[in-house]
Amino acid sequence: MKIDWAALASVFGVSLVVTVALVGLFTLGIVALSKQSATAGGNASGGSVALARTGAYACFGLCVAAVSYGIYLIVA
């Protein structure tokens, strides 16, 4: 049995980068929601609250799209 170490390293590298990016994107969404809820109680303008909420939903949507694409790749 022969192991293709280059292919294994490539898969490991891509998996690591995608995992860190996905976790970072989800974290940005959580931070945006926490900023939105923190500024809602204060004297923030409606535009900044709406922008934070939109940014958070965009981050979560991109996370869902990335996970869906991964499931698609596994199934197909």
PDB file of N, CA and C in Angstrom:
ATOM      1  N   MET A   1       0.845  -1.174   0.000  1.00  0.00           N
ATOM      2  CA  MET A   1       0.000   0.000   0.000  1.00  0.00           C
ATOM      3  C   MET A   1       0.894   1.242   0.000  1.00  0.00           C
ATOM      4  N   LYS A   2       0.560   2.166  -0.874  1.00  0.00           N
ATOM      5  CA  LYS A   2       1.350   3.386  -1.001  1.00  0.00           C
ATOM      6  C   LYS A   2       0.457   4.584  -0.698  1.00  0.00           C
ATOM      7  N   ILE A   3       0.953   5.455   0.152  1.00  0.00           N
ATOM      8  CA  ILE A   3       0.203   6.646   0.543  1.00  0.00           C
ATOM      9  C   ILE A   3       0.714   7.833  -0.261  1.00  0.00           C
ATOM     10  N   ASP A   4      -0.204   8.566  -0.861  1.00  0.00           N
ATOM     11  CA  ASP A   4       0.147   9.778  -1.591  1.00  0.00           C
ATOM     12  C   ASP A   4       0.196  10.934  -0.590  1.00  0.00           C
ATOM     13  N   TRP A   5       1.398  11.198  -0.076  1.00  0.00           N
ATOM     14  CA  TRP A   5       1.552  12.185   0.978  1.00  0.00           C
ATOM     15  C   TRP A   5       1.232  13.599   0.510  1.00  0.00           C
ATOM     16  N   ALA A   6       1.503  13.881  -0.748  1.00  0.00           N
ATOM     17  CA  ALA A   6       1.214  15.220  -1.272  1.00  0.00           C
ATOM     18  C   ALA A   6      -0.294  15.467  -1.287  1.00  0.00           C
ATOM     19  N   ALA A   7      -1.060  14.474  -1.713  1.00  0.00           N
ATOM     20  CA  ALA A   7      -2.515  14.611  -1.730  1.00  0.00           C
ATOM     21  C   ALA A   7      -3.066  14.719  -0.308  1.00  0.00           C
ATOM     22  N   LEU A   8      -2.503  13.948   0.603  1.00  0.00           N
ATOM     23  CA  LEU A   8      -2.941  13.997   1.993  1.00  0.00           C
ATOM     24  C   LEU A   8      -2.660  15.371   2.601  1.00  0.00           C
ATOM     25  N   ALA A   9      -1.491  15.921   2.326  1.00  0.00           N
ATOM     26  CA  ALA A   9      -1.151  17.243   2.834  1.00  0.00           C
ATOM     27  C   ALA A   9      -2.037  18.320   2.210  1.00  0.00           C
ATOM     28  N   SER A  10      -2.365  18.155   0.942  1.00  0.00           N
ATOM     29  CA  SER A  10      -3.244  19.112   0.267  1.00  0.00           C
ATOM     30  C   SER A  10      -4.635  19.107   0.887  1.00  0.00           C
ATOM     31  N   VAL A  11      -5.170  17.944   1.124  1.00  0.00           N
ATOM     32  CA  VAL A  11      -6.497  17.830   1.741  1.00  0.00           C
ATOM     33  C   VAL A  11      -6.465  18.407   3.154  1.00  0.00           C
ATOM     34  N   PHE A  12      -5.404  18.122   3.885  1.00  0.00           N
ATOM     35  CA  PHE A  12      -5.278  18.663   5.237  1.00  0.00           C
ATOM     36  C   PHE A  12      -5.221  20.187   5.219  1.00  0.00           C
ATOM     37  N   GLY A  13      -4.428  20.746   4.320  1.00  0.00           N
ATOM     38  CA  GLY A  13      -4.281  22.196   4.235  1.00  0.00           C
ATOM     39  C   GLY A  13      -5.577  22.897   3.867  1.00  0.00           C
ATOM     40  N   VAL A  14      -6.258  22.362   2.862  1.00  0.00           N
ATOM     41  CA  VAL A  14      -7.531  22.960   2.445  1.00  0.00           C
ATOM     42  C   VAL A  14      -8.567  22.846   3.554  1.00  0.00           C
ATOM     43  N   SER A  15      -8.616  21.708   4.221  1.00  0.00           N
ATOM     44  CA  SER A  15      -9.566  21.518   5.320  1.00  0.00           C
ATOM     45  C   SER A  15      -9.289  22.496   6.455  1.00  0.00           C
ATOM     46  N   LEU A  16      -8.022  22.696   6.764  1.00  0.00           N
ATOM     47  CA  LEU A  16      -7.664  23.612   7.844  1.00  0.00           C
ATOM     48  C   LEU A  16      -8.049  25.050   7.506  1.00  0.00           C
ATOM     49  N   VAL A  17      -7.756  25.473   6.288  1.00  0.00           N
ATOM     50  CA  VAL A  17      -8.079  26.847   5.879  1.00  0.00           C
ATOM     51  C   VAL A  17      -9.587  27.079   5.856  1.00  0.00           C
ATOM     52  N   VAL A  18     -10.325  26.135   5.304  1.00  0.00           N
ATOM     53  CA  VAL A  18     -11.783  26.290   5.220  1.00  0.00           C
ATOM     54  C   VAL A  18     -12.408  26.265   6.613  1.00  0.00           C
ATOM     55  N   THR A  19     -11.910  25.417   7.486  1.00  0.00           N
ATOM     56  CA  THR A  19     -12.439  25.354   8.847  1.00  0.00           C
ATOM     57  C   THR A  19     -12.206  26.661   9.593  1.00  0.00           C
ATOM     58  N   VAL A  20     -10.994  27.186   9.509  1.00  0.00           N
ATOM     59  CA  VAL A  20     -10.689  28.456  10.192  1.00  0.00           C
ATOM     60  C   VAL A  20     -11.528  29.592   9.601  1.00  0.00           C
ATOM     61  N   ALA A  21     -11.686  29.610   8.287  1.00  0.00           N
ATOM     62  CA  ALA A  21     -12.488  30.656   7.653  1.00  0.00           C
ATOM     63  C   ALA A  21     -13.955  30.556   8.063  1.00  0.00           C
ATOM     64  N   LEU A  22     -14.482  29.355   8.118  1.00  0.00           N
ATOM     65  CA  LEU A  22     -15.889  29.168   8.477  1.00  0.00           C
ATOM     66  C   LEU A  22     -16.141  29.549   9.935  1.00  0.00           C
ATOM     67  N   VAL A  23     -15.254  29.163  10.820  1.00  0.00           N
ATOM     68  CA  VAL A  23     -15.397  29.530  12.228  1.00  0.00           C
ATOM     69  C   VAL A  23     -15.255  31.041  12.397  1.00  0.00           C
ATOM     70  N   GLY A  24     -14.327  31.641  11.668  1.00  0.00           N
ATOM     71  CA  GLY A  24     -14.168  33.099  11.724  1.00  0.00           C
ATOM     72  C   GLY A  24     -15.392  33.831  11.230  1.00  0.00           C
ATOM     73  N   LEU A  25     -15.983  33.331  10.149  1.00  0.00           N
ATOM     74  CA  LEU A  25     -17.189  33.954   9.606  1.00  0.00           C
ATOM     75  C   LEU A  25     -18.358  33.841  10.580  1.00  0.00           C
ATOM     76  N   PHE A  26     -18.507  32.687  11.204  1.00  0.00           N
ATOM     77  CA  PHE A  26     -19.571  32.504  12.184  1.00  0.00           C
ATOM     78  C   PHE A  26     -19.349  33.414  13.400  1.00  0.00           C
ATOM     79  N   THR A  27     -18.083  33.561  13.800  1.00  0.00           N
ATOM     80  CA  THR A  27     -17.757  34.439  14.917  1.00  0.00           C
ATOM     81  C   THR A  27     -18.085  35.892  14.592  1.00  0.00           C
ATOM     82  N   LEU A  28     -17.797  36.309  13.365  1.00  0.00           N
ATOM     83  CA  LEU A  28     -18.161  37.664  12.957  1.00  0.00           C
ATOM     84  C   LEU A  28     -19.670  37.878  13.031  1.00  0.00           C
ATOM     85  N   GLY A  29     -20.437  36.876  12.652  1.00  0.00           N
ATOM     86  CA  GLY A  29     -21.890  36.976  12.750  1.00  0.00           C
ATOM     87  C   GLY A  29     -22.363  37.121  14.179  1.00  0.00           C
ATOM     88  N   ILE A  30     -21.764  36.342  15.073  1.00  0.00           N
ATOM     89  CA  ILE A  30     -22.132  36.426  16.495  1.00  0.00           C
ATOM     90  C   ILE A  30     -21.751  37.789  17.067  1.00  0.00           C
ATOM     91  N   VAL A  31     -20.564  38.284  16.700  1.00  0.00           N
ATOM     92  CA  VAL A  31     -20.130  39.598  17.194  1.00  0.00           C
ATOM     93  C   VAL A  31     -21.056  40.691  16.669  1.00  0.00           C
ATOM     94  N   ALA A  32     -21.450  40.587  15.415  1.00  0.00           N
ATOM     95  CA  ALA A  32     -22.363  41.590  14.857  1.00  0.00           C
ATOM     96  C   ALA A  32     -23.706  41.561  15.570  1.00  0.00           C
ATOM     97  N   LEU A  33     -24.201  40.386  15.889  1.00  0.00           N
ATOM     98  CA  LEU A  33     -25.466  40.314  16.631  1.00  0.00           C
ATOM     99  C   LEU A  33     -25.322  40.854  18.047  1.00  0.00           C
ATOM    100  N   SER A  34     -24.194  40.598  18.685  1.00  0.00           N
ATOM    101  CA  SER A  34     -24.007  41.116  20.042  1.00  0.00           C
ATOM    102  C   SER A  34     -23.864  42.632  20.026  1.00  0.00           C
ATOM    103  N   LYS A  35     -23.215  43.188  19.008  1.00  0.00           N
ATOM    104  CA  LYS A  35     -23.129  44.645  18.884  1.00  0.00           C
ATOM    105  C   LYS A  35     -24.512  45.236  18.637  1.00  0.00           C
ATOM    106  N   GLN A  36     -25.296  44.525  17.843  1.00  0.00           N
ATOM    107  CA  GLN A  36     -26.645  45.009  17.531  1.00  0.00           C
ATOM    108  C   GLN A  36     -27.505  45.019  18.787  1.00  0.00           C
ATOM    109  N   SER A  37     -27.408  43.976  19.601  1.00  0.00           N
ATOM    110  CA  SER A  37     -28.233  43.936  20.803  1.00  0.00           C
ATOM    111  C   SER A  37     -27.704  44.890  21.867  1.00  0.00           C
ATOM    112  N   ALA A  38     -26.389  45.123  21.887  1.00  0.00           N
ATOM    113  CA  ALA A  38     -25.827  46.055  22.861  1.00  0.00           C
ATOM    114  C   ALA A  38     -26.189  47.498  22.512  1.00  0.00           C
ATOM    115  N   THR A  39     -26.200  47.823  21.224  1.00  0.00           N
ATOM    116  CA  THR A  39     -26.522  49.201  20.837  1.00  0.00           C
ATOM    117  C   THR A  39     -28.022  49.451  20.807  1.00  0.00           C
ATOM    118  N   ALA A  40     -28.821  48.403  20.803  1.00  0.00           N
ATOM    119  CA  ALA A  40     -30.271  48.595  20.775  1.00  0.00           C
ATOM    120  C   ALA A  40     -30.757  49.208  22.089  1.00  0.00           C
ATOM    121  N   GLY A  41     -30.100  48.869  23.195  1.00  0.00           N
ATOM    122  CA  GLY A  41     -30.504  49.426  24.481  1.00  0.00           C
ATOM    123  C   GLY A  41     -29.999  50.840  24.690  1.00  0.00           C
ATOM    124  N   GLY A  42     -28.967  51.213  23.972  1.00  0.00           N
ATOM    125  CA  GLY A  42     -28.384  52.549  24.126  1.00  0.00           C
ATOM    126  C   GLY A  42     -29.006  53.551  23.195  1.00  0.00           C
ATOM    127  N   ASN A  43     -28.218  54.546  22.848  1.00  0.00           N
ATOM    128  CA  ASN A  43     -28.725  55.609  21.991  1.00  0.00           C
ATOM    129  C   ASN A  43     -28.130  55.491  20.586  1.00  0.00           C
ATOM    130  N   ALA A  44     -28.216  54.319  19.984  1.00  0.00           N
ATOM    131  CA  ALA A  44     -27.675  54.112  18.633  1.00  0.00           C
ATOM    132  C   ALA A  44     -28.740  54.454  17.600  1.00  0.00           C
ATOM    133  N   SER A  45     -28.274  54.837  16.450  1.00  0.00           N
ATOM    134  CA  SER A  45     -29.224  55.151  15.379  1.00  0.00           C
ATOM    135  C   SER A  45     -29.772  53.862  14.786  1.00  0.00           C
ATOM    136  N   GLY A  46     -30.900  53.955  14.148  1.00  0.00           N
ATOM    137  CA  GLY A  46     -31.518  52.779  13.548  1.00  0.00           C
ATOM    138  C   GLY A  46     -30.703  52.210  12.408  1.00  0.00           C
ATOM    139  N   GLY A  47     -29.924  53.061  11.743  1.00  0.00           N
ATOM    140  CA  GLY A  47     -29.112  52.586  10.624  1.00  0.00           C
ATOM    141  C   GLY A  47     -27.994  51.657  11.060  1.00  0.00           C
ATOM    142  N   SER A  48     -27.351  51.949  12.204  1.00  0.00           N
ATOM    143  CA  SER A  48     -26.262  51.090  12.662  1.00  0.00           C
ATOM    144  C   SER A  48     -26.783  49.753  13.163  1.00  0.00           C
ATOM    145  N   VAL A  49     -27.959  49.758  13.767  1.00  0.00           N
ATOM    146  CA  VAL A  49     -28.555  48.502  14.226  1.00  0.00           C
ATOM    147  C   VAL A  49     -28.945  47.646  13.029  1.00  0.00           C
ATOM    148  N   ALA A  50     -29.524  48.260  12.022  1.00  0.00           N
ATOM    149  CA  ALA A  50     -29.918  47.517  10.827  1.00  0.00           C
ATOM    150  C   ALA A  50     -28.694  47.009  10.081  1.00  0.00           C
ATOM    151  N   LEU A  51     -27.633  47.786  10.048  1.00  0.00           N
ATOM    152  CA  LEU A  51     -26.402  47.360   9.383  1.00  0.00           C
ATOM    153  C   LEU A  51     -25.764  46.183  10.113  1.00  0.00           C
ATOM    154  N   ALA A  52     -25.760  46.215  11.441  1.00  0.00           N
ATOM    155  CA  ALA A  52     -25.208  45.105  12.217  1.00  0.00           C
ATOM    156  C   ALA A  52     -26.024  43.837  12.004  1.00  0.00           C
ATOM    157  N   ARG A  53     -27.340  43.963  11.995  1.00  0.00           N
ATOM    158  CA  ARG A  53     -28.199  42.801  11.797  1.00  0.00           C
ATOM    159  C   ARG A  53     -28.024  42.230  10.390  1.00  0.00           C
ATOM    160  N   THR A  54     -27.935  43.103   9.394  1.00  0.00           N
ATOM    161  CA  THR A  54     -27.747  42.651   8.014  1.00  0.00           C
ATOM    162  C   THR A  54     -26.403  41.948   7.847  1.00  0.00           C
ATOM    163  N   GLY A  55     -25.359  42.511   8.458  1.00  0.00           N
ATOM    164  CA  GLY A  55     -24.041  41.880   8.397  1.00  0.00           C
ATOM    165  C   GLY A  55     -24.029  40.516   9.065  1.00  0.00           C
ATOM    166  N   ALA A  56     -24.709  40.406  10.201  1.00  0.00           N
ATOM    167  CA  ALA A  56     -24.776  39.128  10.902  1.00  0.00           C
ATOM    168  C   ALA A  56     -25.519  38.091  10.064  1.00  0.00           C
ATOM    169  N   TYR A  57     -26.637  38.484   9.479  1.00  0.00           N
ATOM    170  CA  TYR A  57     -27.395  37.545   8.652  1.00  0.00           C
ATOM    171  C   TYR A  57     -26.615  37.144   7.409  1.00  0.00           C
ATOM    172  N   ALA A  58     -25.828  38.064   6.867  1.00  0.00           N
ATOM    173  CA  ALA A  58     -24.998  37.737   5.708  1.00  0.00           C
ATOM    174  C   ALA A  58     -23.925  36.720   6.093  1.00  0.00           C
ATOM    175  N   CYS A  59     -23.311  36.897   7.244  1.00  0.00           N
ATOM    176  CA  CYS A  59     -22.308  35.936   7.712  1.00  0.00           C
ATOM    177  C   CYS A  59     -22.927  34.559   7.932  1.00  0.00           C
ATOM    178  N   PHE A  60     -24.084  34.514   8.562  1.00  0.00           N
ATOM    179  CA  PHE A  60     -24.740  33.234   8.801  1.00  0.00           C
ATOM    180  C   PHE A  60     -25.182  32.591   7.491  1.00  0.00           C
ATOM    181  N   GLY A  61     -25.646  33.401   6.546  1.00  0.00           N
ATOM    182  CA  GLY A  61     -26.032  32.868   5.242  1.00  0.00           C
ATOM    183  C   GLY A  61     -24.848  32.266   4.505  1.00  0.00           C
ATOM    184  N   LEU A  62     -23.691  32.925   4.572  1.00  0.00           N
ATOM    185  CA  LEU A  62     -22.489  32.369   3.943  1.00  0.00           C
ATOM    186  C   LEU A  62     -22.055  31.076   4.621  1.00  0.00           C
ATOM    187  N   CYS A  63     -22.224  30.987   5.930  1.00  0.00           N
ATOM    188  CA  CYS A  63     -21.911  29.738   6.641  1.00  0.00           C
ATOM    189  C   CYS A  63     -22.830  28.610   6.179  1.00  0.00           C
ATOM    190  N   VAL A  64     -24.107  28.905   6.058  1.00  0.00           N
ATOM    191  CA  VAL A  64     -25.060  27.895   5.594  1.00  0.00           C
ATOM    192  C   VAL A  64     -24.729  27.472   4.170  1.00  0.00           C
ATOM    193  N   ALA A  65     -24.357  28.416   3.328  1.00  0.00           N
ATOM    194  CA  ALA A  65     -24.002  28.090   1.945  1.00  0.00           C
ATOM    195  C   ALA A  65     -22.754  27.209   1.893  1.00  0.00           C
ATOM    196  N   ALA A  66     -21.751  27.503   2.716  1.00  0.00           N
ATOM    197  CA  ALA A  66     -20.523  26.704   2.719  1.00  0.00           C
ATOM    198  C   ALA A  66     -20.790  25.290   3.222  1.00  0.00           C
ATOM    199  N   VAL A  67     -21.591  25.160   4.263  1.00  0.00           N
ATOM    200  CA  VAL A  67     -21.911  23.829   4.785  1.00  0.00           C
ATOM    201  C   VAL A  67     -22.763  23.055   3.775  1.00  0.00           C
ATOM    202  N   SER A  68     -23.696  23.719   3.151  1.00  0.00           N
ATOM    203  CA  SER A  68     -24.533  23.056   2.135  1.00  0.00           C
ATOM    204  C   SER A  68     -23.692  22.584   0.964  1.00  0.00           C
ATOM    205  N   TYR A  69     -22.728  23.397   0.541  1.00  0.00           N
ATOM    206  CA  TYR A  69     -21.845  23.002  -0.571  1.00  0.00           C
ATOM    207  C   TYR A  69     -20.983  21.801  -0.155  1.00  0.00           C
ATOM    208  N   GLY A  70     -20.530  21.769   1.064  1.00  0.00           N
ATOM    209  CA  GLY A  70     -19.762  20.618   1.549  1.00  0.00           C
ATOM    210  C   GLY A  70     -20.583  19.359   1.564  1.00  0.00           C
ATOM    211  N   ILE A  71     -21.832  19.459   2.004  1.00  0.00           N
ATOM    212  CA  ILE A  71     -22.716  18.280   2.000  1.00  0.00           C
ATOM    213  C   ILE A  71     -22.987  17.840   0.568  1.00  0.00           C
ATOM    214  N   TYR A  72     -23.171  18.806  -0.325  1.00  0.00           N
ATOM    215  CA  TYR A  72     -23.357  18.483  -1.739  1.00  0.00           C
ATOM    216  C   TYR A  72     -22.159  17.721  -2.308  1.00  0.00           C
ATOM    217  N   LEU A  73     -20.949  18.172  -1.967  1.00  0.00           N
ATOM    218  CA  LEU A  73     -19.762  17.487  -2.455  1.00  0.00           C
ATOM    219  C   LEU A  73     -19.661  16.072  -1.927  1.00  0.00           C
ATOM    220  N   ILE A  74     -20.071  15.865  -0.684  1.00  0.00           N
ATOM    221  CA  ILE A  74     -20.017  14.517  -0.097  1.00  0.00           C
ATOM    222  C   ILE A  74     -21.040  13.605  -0.760  1.00  0.00           C
ATOM    223  N   VAL A  75     -22.232  14.097  -0.987  1.00  0.00           N
ATOM    224  CA  VAL A  75     -23.316  13.265  -1.530  1.00  0.00           C
ATOM    225  C   VAL A  75     -23.114  12.984  -3.004  1.00  0.00           C
ATOM    226  N   ALA A  76     -22.660  13.968  -3.757  1.00  0.00           N
ATOM    227  CA  ALA A  76     -22.544  13.825  -5.224  1.00  0.00           C
ATOM    228  C   ALA A  76     -21.408  12.901  -5.629  1.00  0.00           C
TER     229      ALA A  76
END
